[in-house]
């Protein structure tokens, strides 16, 4: 199963692809509760932006 075999379901693996089409990062141990923030952190984007008034 392409290295994503789990016990009952396939494991989640995320590939971060850069603008040139190359793999920038691979997240093999995906935590569904923090995954969005993990991706933003890898991309260097602040996941808690300050409001602009």
C-alpha atoms as a PDB file:
ATOM      1  CA  UNK A   1       0.000   0.000   0.000  1.00  0.00           C
ATOM      2  CA  UNK A   2       2.812   2.410  -0.903  1.00  0.00           C
ATOM      3  CA  UNK A   3       4.231   2.485   2.628  1.00  0.00           C
ATOM      4  CA  UNK A   4       0.960   3.666   4.141  1.00  0.00           C
ATOM      5  CA  UNK A   5      -0.369   0.371   5.467  1.00  0.00           C
ATOM      6  CA  UNK A   6      -2.089   0.615   8.859  1.00  0.00           C
ATOM      7  CA  UNK A   7      -3.818  -2.008  10.980  1.00  0.00           C
ATOM      8  CA  UNK A   8      -7.375  -1.414   9.791  1.00  0.00           C
ATOM      9  CA  UNK A   9      -7.101   1.655   7.569  1.00  0.00           C
ATOM     10  CA  UNK A  10      -4.381   3.195   5.452  1.00  0.00           C
ATOM     11  CA  UNK A  11      -2.161   5.635   7.354  1.00  0.00           C
ATOM     12  CA  UNK A  12      -2.282   9.286   6.414  1.00  0.00           C
ATOM     13  CA  UNK A  13       0.833  10.726   4.830  1.00  0.00           C
ATOM     14  CA  UNK A  14       1.096  14.319   3.615  1.00  0.00           C
ATOM     15  CA  UNK A  15       3.525  15.464   0.945  1.00  0.00           C
ATOM     16  CA  UNK A  16       4.319  19.192   0.834  1.00  0.00           C
ATOM     17  CA  UNK A  17       5.131  20.128  -2.776  1.00  0.00           C
ATOM     18  CA  UNK A  18       6.993  23.369  -3.537  1.00  0.00           C
ATOM     19  CA  UNK A  19       6.391  25.693  -6.492  1.00  0.00           C
ATOM     20  CA  UNK A  20       8.941  23.825  -8.625  1.00  0.00           C
ATOM     21  CA  UNK A  21       7.037  20.568  -8.119  1.00  0.00           C
ATOM     22  CA  UNK A  22       9.602  19.022  -5.785  1.00  0.00           C
ATOM     23  CA  UNK A  23       8.764  17.387  -2.466  1.00  0.00           C
ATOM     24  CA  UNK A  24       9.630  19.917   0.232  1.00  0.00           C
ATOM     25  CA  UNK A  25       8.581  17.838   3.234  1.00  0.00           C
ATOM     26  CA  UNK A  26       6.811  14.613   4.169  1.00  0.00           C
ATOM     27  CA  UNK A  27       4.616  14.278   7.232  1.00  0.00           C
ATOM     28  CA  UNK A  28       4.370  10.563   8.007  1.00  0.00           C
ATOM     29  CA  UNK A  29       2.900  10.723  11.515  1.00  0.00           C
ATOM     30  CA  UNK A  30      -0.222  12.774  10.872  1.00  0.00           C
ATOM     31  CA  UNK A  31      -2.108  14.007  13.929  1.00  0.00           C
ATOM     32  CA  UNK A  32      -5.567  15.017  12.701  1.00  0.00           C
ATOM     33  CA  UNK A  33      -5.940  17.467  15.604  1.00  0.00           C
ATOM     34  CA  UNK A  34      -2.814  19.501  14.770  1.00  0.00           C
ATOM     35  CA  UNK A  35      -2.299  18.727  11.074  1.00  0.00           C
ATOM     36  CA  UNK A  36      -3.400  22.109   9.739  1.00  0.00           C
ATOM     37  CA  UNK A  37      -1.067  23.976  12.083  1.00  0.00           C
ATOM     38  CA  UNK A  38       1.740  21.540  11.295  1.00  0.00           C
ATOM     39  CA  UNK A  39       1.435  22.329   7.574  1.00  0.00           C
ATOM     40  CA  UNK A  40       1.334  26.083   8.188  1.00  0.00           C
ATOM     41  CA  UNK A  41       4.424  25.786  10.399  1.00  0.00           C
ATOM     42  CA  UNK A  42       6.338  23.938   7.656  1.00  0.00           C
ATOM     43  CA  UNK A  43       5.324  26.614   5.146  1.00  0.00           C
ATOM     44  CA  UNK A  44       6.398  29.381   7.545  1.00  0.00           C
ATOM     45  CA  UNK A  45       2.892  30.809   7.890  1.00  0.00           C
ATOM     46  CA  UNK A  46       1.689  32.088  11.276  1.00  0.00           C
ATOM     47  CA  UNK A  47      -1.264  29.933  12.345  1.00  0.00           C
ATOM     48  CA  UNK A  48      -2.376  32.552  14.912  1.00  0.00           C
ATOM     49  CA  UNK A  49      -2.323  35.863  13.035  1.00  0.00           C
ATOM     50  CA  UNK A  50      -2.998  39.016  15.015  1.00  0.00           C
ATOM     51  CA  UNK A  51      -6.171  40.849  14.006  1.00  0.00           C
ATOM     52  CA  UNK A  52      -5.633  44.039  12.038  1.00  0.00           C
ATOM     53  CA  UNK A  53      -7.825  46.892  13.195  1.00  0.00           C
END
